[in-house]
Amino acid sequence: MEELVSRIAETIRDDGAPQTLVAVLRGGGIPAVWLSHKLQLRDVRGVEVTHTADDSTNAAKTPHPVAVNPASLGDLTGRDVLIVDDVAGTGHTLAAAARLAADAGAGRVRTAVCVVNEDNRTGRLPAEAAVTYIGTITHGWVVFPWEGNDEHEH
């Protein structure tokens, strides 16, 4: 995981460091904080956007991503914002979070994920439309170290 986040951070630096990181909660919280340290950024915010019905493996999707308390983003007027999540499948969650940042006034919005799950992308948004920075691409469900590996823990 550290190698993925380091690689993402280096690519972001090459494009210019953002002013604000926004974690898509819950999964994007840990990668966002990790990136904030690597990029030496202190302005880290969070917004809860969900597109799965629960935390189980291969969980069903809700019809549309649901934002909980989008006002938690605060005022982003003119800011260069990076939206961070752990995984992207369809790309709809990231796209929804990016729209929320734009609606909060962000001047530039980019997105980063540790993993793109290709199995969930068939017929969905193309990766480049939803994700600016990708750590790696995989096929199949991903369980991150911070999630545990016991189905009953979720």
N, C-alpha and C. Protein backbone atom coordinates (compact mmCIF):
# COMPACT_ATOMS: atom_id res chain seq x y z
N MET A 1 0.82 -1.18 0.00
CA MET A 1 0.00 0.00 0.00
C MET A 1 0.87 1.25 0.00
N GLU A 2 1.93 1.23 0.78
CA GLU A 2 2.79 2.41 0.86
C GLU A 2 3.38 2.74 -0.50
N GLU A 3 3.76 1.72 -1.26
CA GLU A 3 4.31 1.95 -2.59
C GLU A 3 3.27 2.60 -3.51
N LEU A 4 2.03 2.13 -3.45
CA LEU A 4 0.96 2.72 -4.27
C LEU A 4 0.76 4.19 -3.93
N VAL A 5 0.65 4.49 -2.65
CA VAL A 5 0.41 5.87 -2.22
C VAL A 5 1.60 6.75 -2.58
N SER A 6 2.81 6.23 -2.43
CA SER A 6 4.01 7.00 -2.80
C SER A 6 4.03 7.31 -4.29
N ARG A 7 3.65 6.33 -5.09
CA ARG A 7 3.61 6.52 -6.55
C ARG A 7 2.56 7.56 -6.93
N ILE A 8 1.40 7.49 -6.30
CA ILE A 8 0.34 8.47 -6.56
C ILE A 8 0.83 9.86 -6.16
N ALA A 9 1.45 9.97 -4.99
CA ALA A 9 1.94 11.27 -4.50
C ALA A 9 2.95 11.87 -5.46
N GLU A 10 3.84 11.07 -5.98
CA GLU A 10 4.86 11.56 -6.92
C GLU A 10 4.21 12.11 -8.18
N THR A 11 3.23 11.40 -8.71
CA THR A 11 2.53 11.86 -9.91
C THR A 11 1.77 13.15 -9.63
N ILE A 12 1.15 13.24 -8.47
CA ILE A 12 0.44 14.46 -8.09
C ILE A 12 1.41 15.63 -8.00
N ARG A 13 2.56 15.42 -7.37
CA ARG A 13 3.58 16.48 -7.27
C ARG A 13 3.97 16.98 -8.65
N ASP A 14 4.11 16.06 -9.60
CA ASP A 14 4.48 16.45 -10.97
C ASP A 14 3.43 17.35 -11.60
N ASP A 15 2.17 17.18 -11.21
CA ASP A 15 1.06 17.99 -11.75
C ASP A 15 0.76 19.22 -10.90
N GLY A 16 1.46 19.37 -9.80
CA GLY A 16 1.21 20.47 -8.88
C GLY A 16 0.38 20.00 -7.71
N ALA A 17 0.89 20.21 -6.52
CA ALA A 17 0.18 19.76 -5.32
C ALA A 17 -1.13 20.52 -5.15
N PRO A 18 -2.18 19.83 -4.73
CA PRO A 18 -3.45 20.50 -4.46
C PRO A 18 -3.35 21.32 -3.17
N GLN A 19 -4.34 22.16 -2.95
CA GLN A 19 -4.42 22.93 -1.71
C GLN A 19 -5.22 22.19 -0.65
N THR A 20 -6.16 21.36 -1.10
CA THR A 20 -7.08 20.68 -0.19
C THR A 20 -7.27 19.23 -0.63
N LEU A 21 -7.22 18.32 0.32
CA LEU A 21 -7.57 16.92 0.06
C LEU A 21 -8.94 16.66 0.65
N VAL A 22 -9.78 15.97 -0.11
CA VAL A 22 -11.10 15.58 0.38
C VAL A 22 -11.19 14.06 0.34
N ALA A 23 -11.34 13.46 1.51
CA ALA A 23 -11.49 12.01 1.61
C ALA A 23 -12.94 11.64 1.38
N VAL A 24 -13.17 10.63 0.53
CA VAL A 24 -14.49 10.05 0.41
C VAL A 24 -14.59 9.04 1.55
N LEU A 25 -15.43 9.36 2.52
CA LEU A 25 -15.51 8.54 3.72
C LEU A 25 -16.42 7.34 3.53
N ARG A 26 -16.02 6.21 4.00
CA ARG A 26 -14.98 5.94 4.95
C ARG A 26 -13.70 5.50 4.28
N GLY A 27 -13.81 4.79 3.17
CA GLY A 27 -12.65 4.15 2.57
C GLY A 27 -11.51 5.08 2.19
N GLY A 28 -11.81 6.30 1.82
CA GLY A 28 -10.76 7.23 1.40
C GLY A 28 -10.06 7.94 2.54
N GLY A 29 -10.52 7.73 3.77
CA GLY A 29 -9.93 8.44 4.91
C GLY A 29 -8.46 8.14 5.13
N ILE A 30 -8.11 6.88 5.18
CA ILE A 30 -6.72 6.51 5.44
C ILE A 30 -5.82 6.90 4.27
N PRO A 31 -6.17 6.59 3.01
CA PRO A 31 -5.31 7.04 1.91
C PRO A 31 -5.17 8.57 1.85
N ALA A 32 -6.23 9.31 2.18
CA ALA A 32 -6.16 10.77 2.14
C ALA A 32 -5.17 11.30 3.18
N VAL A 33 -5.23 10.77 4.39
CA VAL A 33 -4.30 11.22 5.43
C VAL A 33 -2.87 10.84 5.04
N TRP A 34 -2.69 9.65 4.52
CA TRP A 34 -1.37 9.21 4.08
C TRP A 34 -0.84 10.16 3.01
N LEU A 35 -1.67 10.47 2.01
CA LEU A 35 -1.26 11.41 0.96
C LEU A 35 -0.98 12.80 1.54
N SER A 36 -1.76 13.22 2.51
CA SER A 36 -1.54 14.55 3.09
C SER A 36 -0.15 14.66 3.70
N HIS A 37 0.32 13.60 4.32
CA HIS A 37 1.67 13.61 4.88
C HIS A 37 2.72 13.61 3.77
N LYS A 38 2.52 12.80 2.76
CA LYS A 38 3.49 12.73 1.67
C LYS A 38 3.56 14.04 0.88
N LEU A 39 2.42 14.73 0.79
CA LEU A 39 2.36 16.00 0.05
C LEU A 39 2.51 17.21 0.97
N GLN A 40 2.66 16.97 2.26
CA GLN A 40 2.80 18.02 3.27
C GLN A 40 1.63 19.02 3.22
N LEU A 41 0.42 18.47 3.18
CA LEU A 41 -0.80 19.27 3.18
C LEU A 41 -1.55 19.08 4.49
N ARG A 42 -2.02 20.17 5.05
CA ARG A 42 -2.75 20.09 6.32
C ARG A 42 -4.26 20.22 6.14
N ASP A 43 -4.70 20.73 5.00
CA ASP A 43 -6.14 20.93 4.78
C ASP A 43 -6.75 19.65 4.23
N VAL A 44 -7.23 18.81 5.14
CA VAL A 44 -7.85 17.53 4.78
C VAL A 44 -9.28 17.56 5.28
N ARG A 45 -10.20 17.31 4.38
CA ARG A 45 -11.62 17.33 4.72
C ARG A 45 -12.23 15.99 4.33
N GLY A 46 -13.45 15.76 4.74
CA GLY A 46 -14.11 14.50 4.40
C GLY A 46 -15.56 14.71 4.03
N VAL A 47 -16.03 13.85 3.15
CA VAL A 47 -17.45 13.84 2.79
C VAL A 47 -17.85 12.38 2.59
N GLU A 48 -19.00 12.03 3.13
CA GLU A 48 -19.48 10.66 2.98
C GLU A 48 -20.34 10.56 1.73
N VAL A 49 -19.86 9.76 0.78
CA VAL A 49 -20.61 9.46 -0.44
C VAL A 49 -20.59 7.94 -0.59
N THR A 50 -21.76 7.32 -0.61
CA THR A 50 -21.80 5.86 -0.72
C THR A 50 -22.57 5.44 -1.96
N HIS A 51 -22.14 4.31 -2.51
CA HIS A 51 -22.81 3.76 -3.69
C HIS A 51 -23.04 2.25 -3.53
N THR A 52 -22.68 1.73 -2.34
CA THR A 52 -22.95 0.32 -2.05
C THR A 52 -23.96 0.26 -0.90
N ALA A 53 -24.77 -0.78 -0.93
CA ALA A 53 -25.85 -0.91 0.06
C ALA A 53 -25.32 -1.26 1.45
N ASP A 54 -24.16 -1.96 1.50
CA ASP A 54 -23.56 -2.34 2.78
C ASP A 54 -22.08 -2.62 2.56
N ASP A 55 -21.39 -3.14 3.57
CA ASP A 55 -19.95 -3.37 3.50
C ASP A 55 -19.56 -4.78 3.09
N SER A 56 -20.50 -5.61 2.72
CA SER A 56 -20.17 -7.00 2.38
C SER A 56 -19.44 -7.07 1.03
N THR A 57 -18.73 -8.18 0.83
CA THR A 57 -18.04 -8.41 -0.42
C THR A 57 -19.04 -8.44 -1.56
N ASN A 58 -18.71 -7.74 -2.65
CA ASN A 58 -19.59 -7.63 -3.83
C ASN A 58 -20.99 -7.12 -3.47
N ALA A 59 -21.04 -6.16 -2.56
CA ALA A 59 -22.32 -5.59 -2.10
C ALA A 59 -23.08 -4.98 -3.27
N ALA A 60 -24.38 -5.04 -3.17
CA ALA A 60 -25.25 -4.43 -4.19
C ALA A 60 -25.06 -2.92 -4.19
N LYS A 61 -25.26 -2.33 -5.36
CA LYS A 61 -25.15 -0.88 -5.52
C LYS A 61 -26.50 -0.22 -5.29
N THR A 62 -26.47 0.98 -4.75
CA THR A 62 -27.68 1.80 -4.69
C THR A 62 -27.88 2.38 -6.09
N PRO A 63 -29.09 2.83 -6.43
CA PRO A 63 -29.32 3.35 -7.79
C PRO A 63 -28.38 4.52 -8.14
N HIS A 64 -28.09 5.37 -7.17
CA HIS A 64 -27.20 6.52 -7.38
C HIS A 64 -26.36 6.71 -6.12
N PRO A 65 -25.16 7.30 -6.26
CA PRO A 65 -24.39 7.61 -5.06
C PRO A 65 -25.18 8.55 -4.15
N VAL A 66 -25.04 8.34 -2.85
CA VAL A 66 -25.76 9.13 -1.86
C VAL A 66 -24.75 9.93 -1.04
N ALA A 67 -24.91 11.25 -1.01
CA ALA A 67 -24.04 12.11 -0.21
C ALA A 67 -24.70 12.38 1.13
N VAL A 68 -23.93 12.20 2.20
CA VAL A 68 -24.39 12.51 3.54
C VAL A 68 -23.68 13.78 3.99
N ASN A 69 -24.42 14.84 4.28
CA ASN A 69 -23.88 16.10 4.76
C ASN A 69 -22.80 16.69 3.84
N PRO A 70 -23.15 17.02 2.59
CA PRO A 70 -22.17 17.62 1.69
C PRO A 70 -21.62 18.94 2.20
N ALA A 71 -22.32 19.60 3.12
CA ALA A 71 -21.83 20.86 3.69
C ALA A 71 -20.54 20.65 4.48
N SER A 72 -20.21 19.39 4.81
CA SER A 72 -18.97 19.11 5.55
C SER A 72 -17.73 19.52 4.75
N LEU A 73 -17.88 19.72 3.44
CA LEU A 73 -16.75 20.17 2.62
C LEU A 73 -16.35 21.60 2.94
N GLY A 74 -17.28 22.38 3.43
CA GLY A 74 -16.99 23.79 3.69
C GLY A 74 -16.86 24.56 2.38
N ASP A 75 -16.29 25.74 2.48
CA ASP A 75 -16.11 26.61 1.32
C ASP A 75 -14.82 26.21 0.60
N LEU A 76 -14.93 25.83 -0.65
CA LEU A 76 -13.76 25.45 -1.45
C LEU A 76 -13.48 26.47 -2.56
N THR A 77 -14.02 27.66 -2.44
CA THR A 77 -13.94 28.67 -3.50
C THR A 77 -12.51 28.86 -3.99
N GLY A 78 -12.33 28.58 -5.29
CA GLY A 78 -11.06 28.79 -5.96
C GLY A 78 -9.96 27.81 -5.61
N ARG A 79 -10.22 26.85 -4.77
CA ARG A 79 -9.17 25.94 -4.31
C ARG A 79 -8.92 24.81 -5.30
N ASP A 80 -7.68 24.35 -5.31
CA ASP A 80 -7.26 23.18 -6.08
C ASP A 80 -7.50 21.98 -5.16
N VAL A 81 -8.45 21.13 -5.53
CA VAL A 81 -8.93 20.06 -4.64
C VAL A 81 -8.62 18.69 -5.23
N LEU A 82 -8.17 17.79 -4.37
CA LEU A 82 -7.96 16.40 -4.75
C LEU A 82 -8.93 15.54 -3.94
N ILE A 83 -9.81 14.81 -4.64
CA ILE A 83 -10.74 13.87 -4.02
C ILE A 83 -10.02 12.53 -3.93
N VAL A 84 -10.04 11.89 -2.76
CA VAL A 84 -9.30 10.64 -2.55
C VAL A 84 -10.25 9.54 -2.07
N ASP A 85 -10.16 8.37 -2.71
CA ASP A 85 -10.91 7.20 -2.25
C ASP A 85 -10.01 5.98 -2.33
N ASP A 86 -10.41 4.91 -1.66
CA ASP A 86 -9.60 3.70 -1.69
C ASP A 86 -9.76 2.94 -2.99
N VAL A 87 -11.00 2.81 -3.49
CA VAL A 87 -11.24 2.00 -4.67
C VAL A 87 -12.31 2.66 -5.54
N ALA A 88 -12.18 2.47 -6.84
CA ALA A 88 -13.21 2.92 -7.78
C ALA A 88 -13.62 1.73 -8.62
N GLY A 89 -14.91 1.60 -8.78
CA GLY A 89 -15.46 0.57 -9.67
C GLY A 89 -16.10 1.27 -10.85
N THR A 90 -17.35 1.65 -10.69
CA THR A 90 -18.06 2.33 -11.77
C THR A 90 -17.55 3.74 -12.00
N GLY A 91 -16.97 4.35 -10.99
CA GLY A 91 -16.53 5.73 -11.07
C GLY A 91 -17.60 6.72 -10.63
N HIS A 92 -18.79 6.24 -10.35
CA HIS A 92 -19.89 7.14 -10.00
C HIS A 92 -19.72 7.82 -8.64
N THR A 93 -19.13 7.12 -7.67
CA THR A 93 -18.92 7.74 -6.36
C THR A 93 -17.94 8.90 -6.48
N LEU A 94 -16.82 8.67 -7.17
CA LEU A 94 -15.85 9.75 -7.36
C LEU A 94 -16.44 10.91 -8.13
N ALA A 95 -17.20 10.60 -9.17
CA ALA A 95 -17.83 11.66 -9.97
C ALA A 95 -18.78 12.48 -9.11
N ALA A 96 -19.53 11.81 -8.23
CA ALA A 96 -20.45 12.53 -7.34
C ALA A 96 -19.68 13.41 -6.36
N ALA A 97 -18.60 12.89 -5.80
CA ALA A 97 -17.78 13.68 -4.87
C ALA A 97 -17.15 14.87 -5.59
N ALA A 98 -16.71 14.66 -6.83
CA ALA A 98 -16.12 15.75 -7.62
C ALA A 98 -17.16 16.84 -7.89
N ARG A 99 -18.39 16.44 -8.19
CA ARG A 99 -19.47 17.43 -8.40
C ARG A 99 -19.73 18.22 -7.12
N LEU A 100 -19.71 17.54 -5.98
CA LEU A 100 -19.91 18.24 -4.70
C LEU A 100 -18.82 19.28 -4.47
N ALA A 101 -17.56 18.92 -4.78
CA ALA A 101 -16.45 19.86 -4.62
C ALA A 101 -16.62 21.06 -5.56
N ALA A 102 -17.00 20.79 -6.79
CA ALA A 102 -17.24 21.87 -7.75
C ALA A 102 -18.37 22.77 -7.27
N ASP A 103 -19.43 22.16 -6.75
CA ASP A 103 -20.57 22.93 -6.22
C ASP A 103 -20.16 23.78 -5.02
N ALA A 104 -19.12 23.35 -4.29
CA ALA A 104 -18.63 24.11 -3.14
C ALA A 104 -17.63 25.18 -3.57
N GLY A 105 -17.43 25.33 -4.89
CA GLY A 105 -16.61 26.41 -5.42
C GLY A 105 -15.20 26.06 -5.84
N ALA A 106 -14.82 24.78 -5.79
CA ALA A 106 -13.44 24.41 -6.15
C ALA A 106 -13.08 24.93 -7.54
N GLY A 107 -11.87 25.47 -7.66
CA GLY A 107 -11.40 25.96 -8.95
C GLY A 107 -10.86 24.85 -9.83
N ARG A 108 -10.29 23.84 -9.22
CA ARG A 108 -9.76 22.67 -9.93
C ARG A 108 -10.09 21.45 -9.09
N VAL A 109 -10.56 20.40 -9.75
CA VAL A 109 -10.89 19.16 -9.04
C VAL A 109 -10.21 18.00 -9.75
N ARG A 110 -9.41 17.26 -8.98
CA ARG A 110 -8.78 16.02 -9.47
C ARG A 110 -9.19 14.90 -8.53
N THR A 111 -9.00 13.66 -8.98
CA THR A 111 -9.36 12.51 -8.17
C THR A 111 -8.22 11.50 -8.13
N ALA A 112 -8.14 10.77 -7.02
CA ALA A 112 -7.12 9.74 -6.86
C ALA A 112 -7.72 8.54 -6.14
N VAL A 113 -7.36 7.35 -6.59
CA VAL A 113 -7.75 6.12 -5.90
C VAL A 113 -6.55 5.19 -5.83
N CYS A 114 -6.54 4.37 -4.80
CA CYS A 114 -5.49 3.36 -4.68
C CYS A 114 -5.67 2.28 -5.74
N VAL A 115 -6.93 1.86 -5.94
CA VAL A 115 -7.22 0.73 -6.82
C VAL A 115 -8.45 1.01 -7.68
N VAL A 116 -8.36 0.66 -8.96
CA VAL A 116 -9.53 0.60 -9.83
C VAL A 116 -9.87 -0.87 -10.03
N ASN A 117 -11.12 -1.23 -9.73
CA ASN A 117 -11.59 -2.60 -9.92
C ASN A 117 -12.25 -2.69 -11.29
N GLU A 118 -11.54 -3.24 -12.25
CA GLU A 118 -12.03 -3.35 -13.63
C GLU A 118 -13.31 -4.17 -13.75
N ASP A 119 -13.50 -5.13 -12.85
CA ASP A 119 -14.69 -5.98 -12.93
C ASP A 119 -15.98 -5.19 -12.74
N ASN A 120 -15.91 -4.07 -12.06
CA ASN A 120 -17.10 -3.25 -11.84
C ASN A 120 -17.24 -2.12 -12.84
N ARG A 121 -16.34 -2.05 -13.82
CA ARG A 121 -16.36 -0.91 -14.74
C ARG A 121 -17.03 -1.20 -16.07
N THR A 122 -17.39 -2.41 -16.37
CA THR A 122 -17.98 -2.75 -17.66
C THR A 122 -19.21 -1.88 -17.91
N GLY A 123 -19.20 -1.17 -19.03
CA GLY A 123 -20.33 -0.33 -19.39
C GLY A 123 -20.50 0.89 -18.51
N ARG A 124 -19.49 1.22 -17.73
CA ARG A 124 -19.58 2.35 -16.80
C ARG A 124 -18.73 3.50 -17.32
N LEU A 125 -18.49 4.47 -16.45
CA LEU A 125 -17.64 5.59 -16.82
C LEU A 125 -16.24 5.09 -17.14
N PRO A 126 -15.61 5.59 -18.21
CA PRO A 126 -14.22 5.20 -18.46
C PRO A 126 -13.33 5.72 -17.34
N ALA A 127 -12.28 4.99 -17.02
CA ALA A 127 -11.42 5.36 -15.89
C ALA A 127 -10.94 6.80 -16.00
N GLU A 128 -10.53 7.21 -17.18
CA GLU A 128 -9.98 8.55 -17.33
C GLU A 128 -11.03 9.64 -17.11
N ALA A 129 -12.30 9.31 -17.24
CA ALA A 129 -13.37 10.29 -16.99
C ALA A 129 -13.58 10.49 -15.50
N ALA A 130 -13.29 9.49 -14.70
CA ALA A 130 -13.59 9.57 -13.28
C ALA A 130 -12.35 9.67 -12.40
N VAL A 131 -11.22 9.13 -12.84
CA VAL A 131 -10.05 9.04 -11.98
C VAL A 131 -8.84 9.69 -12.65
N THR A 132 -8.27 10.68 -11.97
CA THR A 132 -7.07 11.35 -12.47
C THR A 132 -5.81 10.55 -12.15
N TYR A 133 -5.73 10.02 -10.93
CA TYR A 133 -4.54 9.28 -10.48
C TYR A 133 -4.96 7.91 -9.97
N ILE A 134 -4.36 6.87 -10.53
CA ILE A 134 -4.69 5.48 -10.18
C ILE A 134 -3.43 4.80 -9.66
N GLY A 135 -3.53 4.20 -8.46
CA GLY A 135 -2.41 3.45 -7.92
C GLY A 135 -2.17 2.16 -8.68
N THR A 136 -3.22 1.37 -8.85
CA THR A 136 -3.14 0.13 -9.61
C THR A 136 -4.53 -0.27 -10.09
N ILE A 137 -4.54 -1.17 -11.06
CA ILE A 137 -5.80 -1.69 -11.60
C ILE A 137 -5.84 -3.18 -11.30
N THR A 138 -7.00 -3.65 -10.87
CA THR A 138 -7.15 -5.07 -10.53
C THR A 138 -8.50 -5.57 -11.04
N HIS A 139 -8.70 -6.85 -10.92
CA HIS A 139 -9.98 -7.48 -11.24
C HIS A 139 -10.45 -8.18 -9.97
N GLY A 140 -11.62 -7.82 -9.49
CA GLY A 140 -12.16 -8.48 -8.31
C GLY A 140 -12.18 -7.57 -7.10
N TRP A 141 -12.89 -8.03 -6.10
CA TRP A 141 -13.10 -7.28 -4.87
C TRP A 141 -11.78 -7.11 -4.12
N VAL A 142 -11.58 -5.97 -3.52
CA VAL A 142 -10.36 -5.67 -2.78
C VAL A 142 -10.71 -5.48 -1.31
N VAL A 143 -9.94 -6.12 -0.43
CA VAL A 143 -10.06 -5.89 1.00
C VAL A 143 -8.78 -5.20 1.44
N PHE A 144 -8.90 -3.98 1.94
CA PHE A 144 -7.74 -3.20 2.35
C PHE A 144 -7.32 -3.57 3.76
N PRO A 145 -6.03 -3.35 4.10
CA PRO A 145 -5.54 -3.75 5.42
C PRO A 145 -6.35 -3.16 6.57
N TRP A 146 -6.86 -1.95 6.41
CA TRP A 146 -7.62 -1.30 7.47
C TRP A 146 -9.06 -1.81 7.59
N GLU A 147 -9.48 -2.67 6.67
CA GLU A 147 -10.84 -3.22 6.71
C GLU A 147 -10.93 -4.54 7.45
N GLY A 148 -9.81 -5.19 7.68
CA GLY A 148 -9.83 -6.53 8.25
C GLY A 148 -10.15 -7.53 7.15
N ASN A 149 -10.10 -8.81 7.46
CA ASN A 149 -10.37 -9.81 6.43
C ASN A 149 -11.47 -10.78 6.82
N ASP A 150 -12.14 -10.51 7.91
CA ASP A 150 -13.23 -11.37 8.34
C ASP A 150 -14.55 -10.72 7.94
N GLU A 151 -15.32 -11.39 7.11
CA GLU A 151 -16.61 -10.87 6.63
C GLU A 151 -17.47 -10.35 7.78
N HIS A 152 -17.38 -10.97 8.93
CA HIS A 152 -18.24 -10.59 10.05
C HIS A 152 -17.80 -9.29 10.72
N GLU A 153 -16.59 -8.84 10.40
CA GLU A 153 -16.12 -7.57 10.95
C GLU A 153 -16.78 -6.40 10.26
N HIS A 154 -17.31 -6.61 9.06
CA HIS A 154 -17.88 -5.51 8.29
C HIS A 154 -19.26 -5.33 8.75
